[in-house]
């Protein structure tokens, strides 16, 4: 990676952060959520993140930390926009989601200069592309579910303490948070299962083995088990509230360790 490439990477990432900033600020004005201005600014943020991903992946998938973070941000924004169009109440999660994505964007900008090389694969290219799309989608879905879980956690704590805050008043109602958490986790479990299968197919075509128990695979399996346990307990025993939120956040932690976590280890800790 040349000096010009590093400089352009920083500038492109910074421009995407700037594109994400207006909708984040608007989200903190509760009357601004769901207005035409909100949707326009959300589209600008999606375009900014999408441009970074498109430029970085123009010559093949580059497994760098900055690229992974921007792919995550783009996926979360797209899925959030789709969810908001279907369930208007979910837009109120933006007060938690968008500042978090902004922080991820700032982190992605800080590490934009770390060296990384495109993955080169032979016959498994199509499977790898599918696996990457599914993996990013899974992480985006579980991120949204984790935000809904955090909102549920904050709402229940404020209710028990009888001290609502400006943030909890802006969040969806507890019943809406719980419904979003369960539905997003259910879809996330299905997509994660597809991701594990496509990963196995890629490994088989490249190394003639179905399962390699590396860092990413182990934490992905733990996330799959945690989400499965959450949904099973919710169905059988009515598990809900902060206890369910803790399991959902644990599953998100496992996926974070599996997806961007491995980038941190390979590009920063072991570099």
C-alpha atoms as a PDB file:
ATOM      1  CA  UNK A   1       0.000   0.000   0.000  1.00  0.00           C
ATOM      2  CA  UNK A   2       1.558   3.293  -1.143  1.00  0.00           C
ATOM      3  CA  UNK A   3       1.490   6.575   0.710  1.00  0.00           C
ATOM      4  CA  UNK A   4      -1.090   7.938  -1.750  1.00  0.00           C
ATOM      5  CA  UNK A   5      -3.299   4.919  -1.142  1.00  0.00           C
ATOM      6  CA  UNK A   6      -3.099   5.433   2.617  1.00  0.00           C
ATOM      7  CA  UNK A   7      -3.931   9.140   2.305  1.00  0.00           C
ATOM      8  CA  UNK A   8      -6.885   8.476   0.007  1.00  0.00           C
ATOM      9  CA  UNK A   9      -8.074   5.749   2.378  1.00  0.00           C
ATOM     10  CA  UNK A  10      -8.067   8.170   5.296  1.00  0.00           C
ATOM     11  CA  UNK A  11      -9.855  10.880   3.307  1.00  0.00           C
ATOM     12  CA  UNK A  12     -12.494   8.484   1.987  1.00  0.00           C
ATOM     13  CA  UNK A  13     -13.162   7.082   5.444  1.00  0.00           C
ATOM     14  CA  UNK A  14     -13.316  10.567   6.951  1.00  0.00           C
ATOM     15  CA  UNK A  15     -15.785  11.670   4.265  1.00  0.00           C
ATOM     16  CA  UNK A  16     -18.021   8.709   5.163  1.00  0.00           C
ATOM     17  CA  UNK A  17     -17.890   9.733   8.832  1.00  0.00           C
ATOM     18  CA  UNK A  18     -18.943  13.251   7.867  1.00  0.00           C
ATOM     19  CA  UNK A  19     -21.831  11.759   5.848  1.00  0.00           C
ATOM     20  CA  UNK A  20     -22.968   9.807   8.910  1.00  0.00           C
ATOM     21  CA  UNK A  21     -22.784  12.739  11.314  1.00  0.00           C
ATOM     22  CA  UNK A  22     -25.912  14.754  10.275  1.00  0.00           C
ATOM     23  CA  UNK A  23     -28.400  11.890  10.657  1.00  0.00           C
ATOM     24  CA  UNK A  24     -26.803  10.979  13.978  1.00  0.00           C
ATOM     25  CA  UNK A  25     -27.282  14.512  15.268  1.00  0.00           C
ATOM     26  CA  UNK A  26     -30.844  14.598  13.960  1.00  0.00           C
ATOM     27  CA  UNK A  27     -31.621  11.318  15.754  1.00  0.00           C
ATOM     28  CA  UNK A  28     -31.032  13.065  19.076  1.00  0.00           C
ATOM     29  CA  UNK A  29     -33.890  15.409  18.235  1.00  0.00           C
ATOM     30  CA  UNK A  30     -36.813  13.078  18.799  1.00  0.00           C
ATOM     31  CA  UNK A  31     -39.228  15.044  16.558  1.00  0.00           C
ATOM     32  CA  UNK A  32     -36.711  14.647  13.725  1.00  0.00           C
ATOM     33  CA  UNK A  33     -36.903  10.835  13.619  1.00  0.00           C
ATOM     34  CA  UNK A  34     -38.936   9.538  10.689  1.00  0.00           C
ATOM     35  CA  UNK A  35     -39.258  12.908   8.942  1.00  0.00           C
ATOM     36  CA  UNK A  36     -38.334  13.318   5.258  1.00  0.00           C
ATOM     37  CA  UNK A  37     -35.121  15.041   6.374  1.00  0.00           C
ATOM     38  CA  UNK A  38     -34.231  12.009   8.468  1.00  0.00           C
ATOM     39  CA  UNK A  39     -34.669   9.632   5.514  1.00  0.00           C
ATOM     40  CA  UNK A  40     -32.651  11.881   3.204  1.00  0.00           C
ATOM     41  CA  UNK A  41     -29.786  12.119   5.693  1.00  0.00           C
ATOM     42  CA  UNK A  42     -29.969   8.366   6.322  1.00  0.00           C
ATOM     43  CA  UNK A  43     -29.632   7.806   2.569  1.00  0.00           C
ATOM     44  CA  UNK A  44     -26.572  10.089   2.558  1.00  0.00           C
ATOM     45  CA  UNK A  45     -25.027   8.040   5.370  1.00  0.00           C
ATOM     46  CA  UNK A  46     -25.720   4.800   3.480  1.00  0.00           C
ATOM     47  CA  UNK A  47     -24.165   6.252   0.332  1.00  0.00           C
ATOM     48  CA  UNK A  48     -21.056   7.299   2.278  1.00  0.00           C
ATOM     49  CA  UNK A  49     -20.499   3.875   3.828  1.00  0.00           C
ATOM     50  CA  UNK A  50     -21.368   2.122   0.569  1.00  0.00           C
ATOM     51  CA  UNK A  51     -18.829   4.195  -1.346  1.00  0.00           C
ATOM     52  CA  UNK A  52     -16.042   3.220   1.052  1.00  0.00           C
ATOM     53  CA  UNK A  53     -16.937  -0.463   0.737  1.00  0.00           C
ATOM     54  CA  UNK A  54     -17.206  -0.283  -3.067  1.00  0.00           C
ATOM     55  CA  UNK A  55     -13.836   1.447  -3.443  1.00  0.00           C
ATOM     56  CA  UNK A  56     -12.040  -0.907  -1.081  1.00  0.00           C
ATOM     57  CA  UNK A  57     -13.548  -4.031  -2.605  1.00  0.00           C
ATOM     58  CA  UNK A  58     -13.164  -2.930  -6.234  1.00  0.00           C
ATOM     59  CA  UNK A  59     -10.234  -5.289  -6.728  1.00  0.00           C
ATOM     60  CA  UNK A  60     -11.479  -8.132  -4.551  1.00  0.00           C
ATOM     61  CA  UNK A  61     -12.442  -8.601  -0.918  1.00  0.00           C
ATOM     62  CA  UNK A  62      -9.837  -7.046   1.379  1.00  0.00           C
ATOM     63  CA  UNK A  63     -10.021  -8.542   4.888  1.00  0.00           C
ATOM     64  CA  UNK A  64      -8.803  -5.452   6.751  1.00  0.00           C
ATOM     65  CA  UNK A  65     -10.212  -4.085   9.997  1.00  0.00           C
ATOM     66  CA  UNK A  66     -11.215  -0.728   8.492  1.00  0.00           C
ATOM     67  CA  UNK A  67     -12.911  -2.420   5.539  1.00  0.00           C
ATOM     68  CA  UNK A  68     -14.725  -4.847   7.838  1.00  0.00           C
ATOM     69  CA  UNK A  69     -15.981  -2.019  10.035  1.00  0.00           C
ATOM     70  CA  UNK A  70     -17.289  -0.029   7.073  1.00  0.00           C
ATOM     71  CA  UNK A  71     -18.980  -3.134   5.663  1.00  0.00           C
ATOM     72  CA  UNK A  72     -20.631  -3.583   9.061  1.00  0.00           C
ATOM     73  CA  UNK A  73     -21.734   0.054   9.194  1.00  0.00           C
ATOM     74  CA  UNK A  74     -23.142  -0.117   5.671  1.00  0.00           C
ATOM     75  CA  UNK A  75     -25.019  -3.349   6.395  1.00  0.00           C
ATOM     76  CA  UNK A  76     -26.454  -1.965   9.650  1.00  0.00           C
ATOM     77  CA  UNK A  77     -27.636   1.230   7.963  1.00  0.00           C
ATOM     78  CA  UNK A  78     -29.266  -0.648   5.081  1.00  0.00           C
ATOM     79  CA  UNK A  79     -30.979  -3.150   7.361  1.00  0.00           C
ATOM     80  CA  UNK A  80     -32.063  -0.379   9.723  1.00  0.00           C
ATOM     81  CA  UNK A  81     -33.596   1.572   6.841  1.00  0.00           C
ATOM     82  CA  UNK A  82     -35.483  -1.525   5.688  1.00  0.00           C
ATOM     83  CA  UNK A  83     -36.624  -2.306   9.212  1.00  0.00           C
ATOM     84  CA  UNK A  84     -37.706   1.284   9.773  1.00  0.00           C
ATOM     85  CA  UNK A  85     -39.776   1.229   6.586  1.00  0.00           C
ATOM     86  CA  UNK A  86     -41.584  -1.892   7.831  1.00  0.00           C
ATOM     87  CA  UNK A  87     -41.769  -1.099  11.554  1.00  0.00           C
ATOM     88  CA  UNK A  88     -41.842   2.651  12.110  1.00  0.00           C
ATOM     89  CA  UNK A  89     -41.388   2.278  15.879  1.00  0.00           C
ATOM     90  CA  UNK A  90     -37.959   0.734  15.285  1.00  0.00           C
ATOM     91  CA  UNK A  91     -36.690   4.109  14.024  1.00  0.00           C
ATOM     92  CA  UNK A  92     -36.578   5.226  17.653  1.00  0.00           C
ATOM     93  CA  UNK A  93     -33.609   2.881  18.118  1.00  0.00           C
ATOM     94  CA  UNK A  94     -31.581   5.371  16.082  1.00  0.00           C
ATOM     95  CA  UNK A  95     -30.754   7.306  19.249  1.00  0.00           C
ATOM     96  CA  UNK A  96     -28.593   4.322  20.293  1.00  0.00           C
ATOM     97  CA  UNK A  97     -27.652   2.793  16.945  1.00  0.00           C
ATOM     98  CA  UNK A  98     -26.403   5.814  15.018  1.00  0.00           C
ATOM     99  CA  UNK A  99     -23.957   7.126  17.677  1.00  0.00           C
ATOM    100  CA  UNK A 100     -22.563   3.592  17.946  1.00  0.00           C
ATOM    101  CA  UNK A 101     -22.084   3.369  14.177  1.00  0.00           C
ATOM    102  CA  UNK A 102     -20.473   6.811  14.219  1.00  0.00           C
ATOM    103  CA  UNK A 103     -17.958   5.562  16.781  1.00  0.00           C
ATOM    104  CA  UNK A 104     -17.271   2.531  14.582  1.00  0.00           C
ATOM    105  CA  UNK A 105     -16.720   4.896  11.657  1.00  0.00           C
ATOM    106  CA  UNK A 106     -14.209   6.940  13.656  1.00  0.00           C
ATOM    107  CA  UNK A 107     -12.408   3.723  14.637  1.00  0.00           C
ATOM    108  CA  UNK A 108     -12.408   2.594  11.007  1.00  0.00           C
ATOM    109  CA  UNK A 109     -10.871   5.931  10.034  1.00  0.00           C
ATOM    110  CA  UNK A 110      -8.150   5.626  12.671  1.00  0.00           C
ATOM    111  CA  UNK A 111      -7.072   2.194  11.348  1.00  0.00           C
ATOM    112  CA  UNK A 112      -7.555   2.968   7.645  1.00  0.00           C
ATOM    113  CA  UNK A 113      -3.812   2.938   7.083  1.00  0.00           C
ATOM    114  CA  UNK A 114      -3.231  -0.611   8.308  1.00  0.00           C
ATOM    115  CA  UNK A 115      -1.885  -2.823   5.483  1.00  0.00           C
ATOM    116  CA  UNK A 116      -4.112  -5.548   4.051  1.00  0.00           C
ATOM    117  CA  UNK A 117      -4.167  -7.597   0.872  1.00  0.00           C
ATOM    118  CA  UNK A 118      -7.124  -8.905  -1.145  1.00  0.00           C
ATOM    119  CA  UNK A 119      -8.061 -12.544  -0.651  1.00  0.00           C
ATOM    120  CA  UNK A 120      -7.186 -14.668  -3.627  1.00  0.00           C
ATOM    121  CA  UNK A 121      -9.160 -17.866  -4.031  1.00  0.00           C
ATOM    122  CA  UNK A 122      -9.624 -20.259  -6.892  1.00  0.00           C
ATOM    123  CA  UNK A 123     -12.700 -22.376  -7.488  1.00  0.00           C
ATOM    124  CA  UNK A 124     -14.339 -21.253  -4.233  1.00  0.00           C
ATOM    125  CA  UNK A 125     -14.640 -17.575  -5.252  1.00  0.00           C
ATOM    126  CA  UNK A 126     -18.418 -17.684  -5.669  1.00  0.00           C
ATOM    127  CA  UNK A 127     -18.869 -19.480  -2.343  1.00  0.00           C
ATOM    128  CA  UNK A 128     -16.545 -16.995  -0.643  1.00  0.00           C
ATOM    129  CA  UNK A 129     -18.496 -14.033  -2.018  1.00  0.00           C
ATOM    130  CA  UNK A 130     -21.756 -15.566  -0.794  1.00  0.00           C
ATOM    131  CA  UNK A 131     -20.205 -16.364   2.586  1.00  0.00           C
ATOM    132  CA  UNK A 132     -18.972 -12.780   3.012  1.00  0.00           C
ATOM    133  CA  UNK A 133     -22.367 -11.287   2.109  1.00  0.00           C
ATOM    134  CA  UNK A 134     -24.137 -13.648   4.508  1.00  0.00           C
ATOM    135  CA  UNK A 135     -21.604 -12.998   7.294  1.00  0.00           C
ATOM    136  CA  UNK A 136     -21.901  -9.217   7.009  1.00  0.00           C
ATOM    137  CA  UNK A 137     -25.700  -9.489   6.912  1.00  0.00           C
ATOM    138  CA  UNK A 138     -25.664 -11.696  10.003  1.00  0.00           C
ATOM    139  CA  UNK A 139     -23.514  -9.265  11.940  1.00  0.00           C
ATOM    140  CA  UNK A 140     -25.754  -6.390  10.880  1.00  0.00           C
ATOM    141  CA  UNK A 141     -28.909  -8.205  11.990  1.00  0.00           C
ATOM    142  CA  UNK A 142     -27.457  -9.211  15.336  1.00  0.00           C
ATOM    143  CA  UNK A 143     -26.152  -5.666  15.837  1.00  0.00           C
ATOM    144  CA  UNK A 144     -29.696  -4.334  15.438  1.00  0.00           C
ATOM    145  CA  UNK A 145     -30.976  -7.043  17.789  1.00  0.00           C
ATOM    146  CA  UNK A 146     -28.300  -6.112  20.330  1.00  0.00           C
ATOM    147  CA  UNK A 147     -29.328  -2.445  20.137  1.00  0.00           C
ATOM    148  CA  UNK A 148     -32.957  -3.469  20.734  1.00  0.00           C
ATOM    149  CA  UNK A 149     -31.754  -5.583  23.684  1.00  0.00           C
ATOM    150  CA  UNK A 150     -29.806  -2.653  25.111  1.00  0.00           C
ATOM    151  CA  UNK A 151     -32.886  -0.446  24.731  1.00  0.00           C
ATOM    152  CA  UNK A 152     -34.946  -3.079  26.563  1.00  0.00           C
ATOM    153  CA  UNK A 153     -32.320  -3.276  29.306  1.00  0.00           C
ATOM    154  CA  UNK A 154     -32.303   0.508  29.774  1.00  0.00           C
ATOM    155  CA  UNK A 155     -36.096   0.710  29.731  1.00  0.00           C
ATOM    156  CA  UNK A 156     -36.543  -1.997  32.354  1.00  0.00           C
ATOM    157  CA  UNK A 157     -33.854  -0.530  34.611  1.00  0.00           C
ATOM    158  CA  UNK A 158     -35.421   2.930  34.395  1.00  0.00           C
ATOM    159  CA  UNK A 159     -38.852   1.473  35.115  1.00  0.00           C
ATOM    160  CA  UNK A 160     -37.676  -0.394  38.211  1.00  0.00           C
ATOM    161  CA  UNK A 161     -35.798   2.652  39.476  1.00  0.00           C
ATOM    162  CA  UNK A 162     -38.785   4.862  38.588  1.00  0.00           C
ATOM    163  CA  UNK A 163     -36.333   7.287  37.006  1.00  0.00           C
ATOM    164  CA  UNK A 164     -36.962   7.622  33.270  1.00  0.00           C
ATOM    165  CA  UNK A 165     -34.371   9.601  31.368  1.00  0.00           C
ATOM    166  CA  UNK A 166     -34.488  11.584  28.158  1.00  0.00           C
ATOM    167  CA  UNK A 167     -32.953   8.618  26.340  1.00  0.00           C
ATOM    168  CA  UNK A 168     -35.394   6.023  27.692  1.00  0.00           C
ATOM    169  CA  UNK A 169     -38.327   8.296  26.828  1.00  0.00           C
ATOM    170  CA  UNK A 170     -37.067   8.454  23.243  1.00  0.00           C
ATOM    171  CA  UNK A 171     -36.670   4.673  22.919  1.00  0.00           C
ATOM    172  CA  UNK A 172     -39.420   2.281  21.792  1.00  0.00           C
ATOM    173  CA  UNK A 173     -41.704   0.826  24.449  1.00  0.00           C
ATOM    174  CA  UNK A 174     -40.502  -2.305  26.242  1.00  0.00           C
ATOM    175  CA  UNK A 175     -42.921  -4.549  24.369  1.00  0.00           C
ATOM    176  CA  UNK A 176     -41.723  -3.162  21.037  1.00  0.00           C
ATOM    177  CA  UNK A 177     -38.067  -3.600  22.034  1.00  0.00           C
ATOM    178  CA  UNK A 178     -38.718  -7.199  23.033  1.00  0.00           C
ATOM    179  CA  UNK A 179     -40.562  -7.975  19.798  1.00  0.00           C
ATOM    180  CA  UNK A 180     -37.733  -6.465  17.744  1.00  0.00           C
ATOM    181  CA  UNK A 181     -35.113  -8.348  19.753  1.00  0.00           C
ATOM    182  CA  UNK A 182     -36.780 -11.744  19.267  1.00  0.00           C
ATOM    183  CA  UNK A 183     -37.624 -11.284  15.588  1.00  0.00           C
ATOM    184  CA  UNK A 184     -34.189  -9.954  14.649  1.00  0.00           C
ATOM    185  CA  UNK A 185     -32.470 -12.720  16.588  1.00  0.00           C
ATOM    186  CA  UNK A 186     -34.636 -15.329  14.865  1.00  0.00           C
ATOM    187  CA  UNK A 187     -33.725 -14.000  11.418  1.00  0.00           C
ATOM    188  CA  UNK A 188     -30.104 -13.626  12.542  1.00  0.00           C
ATOM    189  CA  UNK A 189     -30.007 -17.264  13.672  1.00  0.00           C
ATOM    190  CA  UNK A 190     -31.218 -18.448  10.274  1.00  0.00           C
ATOM    191  CA  UNK A 191     -28.756 -16.259   8.357  1.00  0.00           C
ATOM    192  CA  UNK A 192     -25.912 -17.258  10.702  1.00  0.00           C
ATOM    193  CA  UNK A 193     -26.720 -20.900  10.005  1.00  0.00           C
ATOM    194  CA  UNK A 194     -26.518 -20.190   6.271  1.00  0.00           C
ATOM    195  CA  UNK A 195     -23.198 -18.429   6.879  1.00  0.00           C
ATOM    196  CA  UNK A 196     -21.774 -21.439   8.697  1.00  0.00           C
ATOM    197  CA  UNK A 197     -22.857 -23.707   5.836  1.00  0.00           C
ATOM    198  CA  UNK A 198     -21.362 -21.451   3.145  1.00  0.00           C
ATOM    199  CA  UNK A 199     -18.167 -21.231   5.193  1.00  0.00           C
ATOM    200  CA  UNK A 200     -18.005 -25.024   5.343  1.00  0.00           C
ATOM    201  CA  UNK A 201     -18.552 -25.211   1.580  1.00  0.00           C
ATOM    202  CA  UNK A 202     -15.706 -22.748   0.991  1.00  0.00           C
ATOM    203  CA  UNK A 203     -13.360 -24.687   3.278  1.00  0.00           C
ATOM    204  CA  UNK A 204     -14.250 -27.956   1.569  1.00  0.00           C
ATOM    205  CA  UNK A 205     -13.531 -26.587  -1.904  1.00  0.00           C
ATOM    206  CA  UNK A 206     -10.246 -25.008  -0.814  1.00  0.00           C
ATOM    207  CA  UNK A 207      -8.878 -27.484   1.762  1.00  0.00           C
ATOM    208  CA  UNK A 208     -11.128 -30.536   1.402  1.00  0.00           C
ATOM    209  CA  UNK A 209     -12.283 -30.270   4.998  1.00  0.00           C
ATOM    210  CA  UNK A 210     -15.711 -29.230   6.231  1.00  0.00           C
ATOM    211  CA  UNK A 211     -14.893 -27.490   9.501  1.00  0.00           C
ATOM    212  CA  UNK A 212     -11.762 -25.731  10.742  1.00  0.00           C
ATOM    213  CA  UNK A 213     -12.066 -24.858  14.430  1.00  0.00           C
ATOM    214  CA  UNK A 214     -10.257 -21.549  14.257  1.00  0.00           C
ATOM    215  CA  UNK A 215     -10.980 -18.388  16.248  1.00  0.00           C
ATOM    216  CA  UNK A 216     -13.747 -17.183  13.929  1.00  0.00           C
ATOM    217  CA  UNK A 217     -15.523 -20.538  13.682  1.00  0.00           C
ATOM    218  CA  UNK A 218     -15.519 -21.192  17.433  1.00  0.00           C
ATOM    219  CA  UNK A 219     -17.012 -17.808  18.325  1.00  0.00           C
ATOM    220  CA  UNK A 220     -19.547 -18.072  15.468  1.00  0.00           C
ATOM    221  CA  UNK A 221     -20.688 -21.439  16.832  1.00  0.00           C
ATOM    222  CA  UNK A 222     -20.933 -19.985  20.340  1.00  0.00           C
ATOM    223  CA  UNK A 223     -23.040 -17.127  18.980  1.00  0.00           C
ATOM    224  CA  UNK A 224     -25.277 -19.632  17.178  1.00  0.00           C
ATOM    225  CA  UNK A 225     -25.771 -21.610  20.398  1.00  0.00           C
ATOM    226  CA  UNK A 226     -26.425 -18.464  22.460  1.00  0.00           C
ATOM    227  CA  UNK A 227     -29.056 -17.166  20.027  1.00  0.00           C
ATOM    228  CA  UNK A 228     -30.638 -20.611  19.771  1.00  0.00           C
ATOM    229  CA  UNK A 229     -30.786 -20.881  23.568  1.00  0.00           C
ATOM    230  CA  UNK A 230     -32.327 -17.406  23.837  1.00  0.00           C
ATOM    231  CA  UNK A 231     -35.085 -18.204  21.352  1.00  0.00           C
ATOM    232  CA  UNK A 232     -35.747 -21.626  22.885  1.00  0.00           C
ATOM    233  CA  UNK A 233     -35.978 -20.244  26.425  1.00  0.00           C
ATOM    234  CA  UNK A 234     -38.201 -17.418  25.225  1.00  0.00           C
ATOM    235  CA  UNK A 235     -40.568 -19.915  23.625  1.00  0.00           C
ATOM    236  CA  UNK A 236     -40.585 -22.504  26.418  1.00  0.00           C
ATOM    237  CA  UNK A 237     -40.352 -20.405  29.561  1.00  0.00           C
ATOM    238  CA  UNK A 238     -41.231 -16.913  28.404  1.00  0.00           C
ATOM    239  CA  UNK A 239     -37.730 -15.587  29.090  1.00  0.00           C
ATOM    240  CA  UNK A 240     -37.762 -11.830  28.610  1.00  0.00           C
ATOM    241  CA  UNK A 241     -36.560  -8.545  30.005  1.00  0.00           C
ATOM    242  CA  UNK A 242     -33.020  -7.972  31.193  1.00  0.00           C
ATOM    243  CA  UNK A 243     -32.213 -11.691  31.395  1.00  0.00           C
ATOM    244  CA  UNK A 244     -33.028 -12.160  27.716  1.00  0.00           C
ATOM    245  CA  UNK A 245     -31.174  -8.941  26.878  1.00  0.00           C
ATOM    246  CA  UNK A 246     -28.022 -10.235  28.593  1.00  0.00           C
ATOM    247  CA  UNK A 247     -28.045 -13.399  26.459  1.00  0.00           C
ATOM    248  CA  UNK A 248     -28.626 -11.347  23.298  1.00  0.00           C
ATOM    249  CA  UNK A 249     -25.726  -9.045  24.156  1.00  0.00           C
ATOM    250  CA  UNK A 250     -23.551 -12.084  24.903  1.00  0.00           C
ATOM    251  CA  UNK A 251     -24.340 -13.479  21.437  1.00  0.00           C
ATOM    252  CA  UNK A 252     -23.394 -10.116  19.945  1.00  0.00           C
ATOM    253  CA  UNK A 253     -20.113 -10.196  21.863  1.00  0.00           C
ATOM    254  CA  UNK A 254     -19.336 -13.646  20.444  1.00  0.00           C
ATOM    255  CA  UNK A 255     -20.002 -12.448  16.890  1.00  0.00           C
ATOM    256  CA  UNK A 256     -17.916  -9.325  17.480  1.00  0.00           C
ATOM    257  CA  UNK A 257     -15.013 -11.507  18.574  1.00  0.00           C
ATOM    258  CA  UNK A 258     -15.555 -13.727  15.529  1.00  0.00           C
ATOM    259  CA  UNK A 259     -15.845 -10.999  12.894  1.00  0.00           C
ATOM    260  CA  UNK A 260     -13.993  -7.725  13.635  1.00  0.00           C
ATOM    261  CA  UNK A 261     -12.220  -9.327  16.593  1.00  0.00           C
ATOM    262  CA  UNK A 262     -10.102 -11.538  14.370  1.00  0.00           C
ATOM    263  CA  UNK A 263      -9.072  -8.454  12.375  1.00  0.00           C
ATOM    264  CA  UNK A 264      -7.878  -6.744  15.566  1.00  0.00           C
ATOM    265  CA  UNK A 265      -5.784  -9.797  16.469  1.00  0.00           C
ATOM    266  CA  UNK A 266      -4.190 -10.235  13.032  1.00  0.00           C
ATOM    267  CA  UNK A 267      -3.699  -6.563  12.100  1.00  0.00           C
ATOM    268  CA  UNK A 268      -2.919  -4.917  15.426  1.00  0.00           C
ATOM    269  CA  UNK A 269      -1.961  -7.386  18.167  1.00  0.00           C
ATOM    270  CA  UNK A 270       0.078  -9.803  16.009  1.00  0.00           C
ATOM    271  CA  UNK A 271       1.309  -7.207  13.515  1.00  0.00           C
END
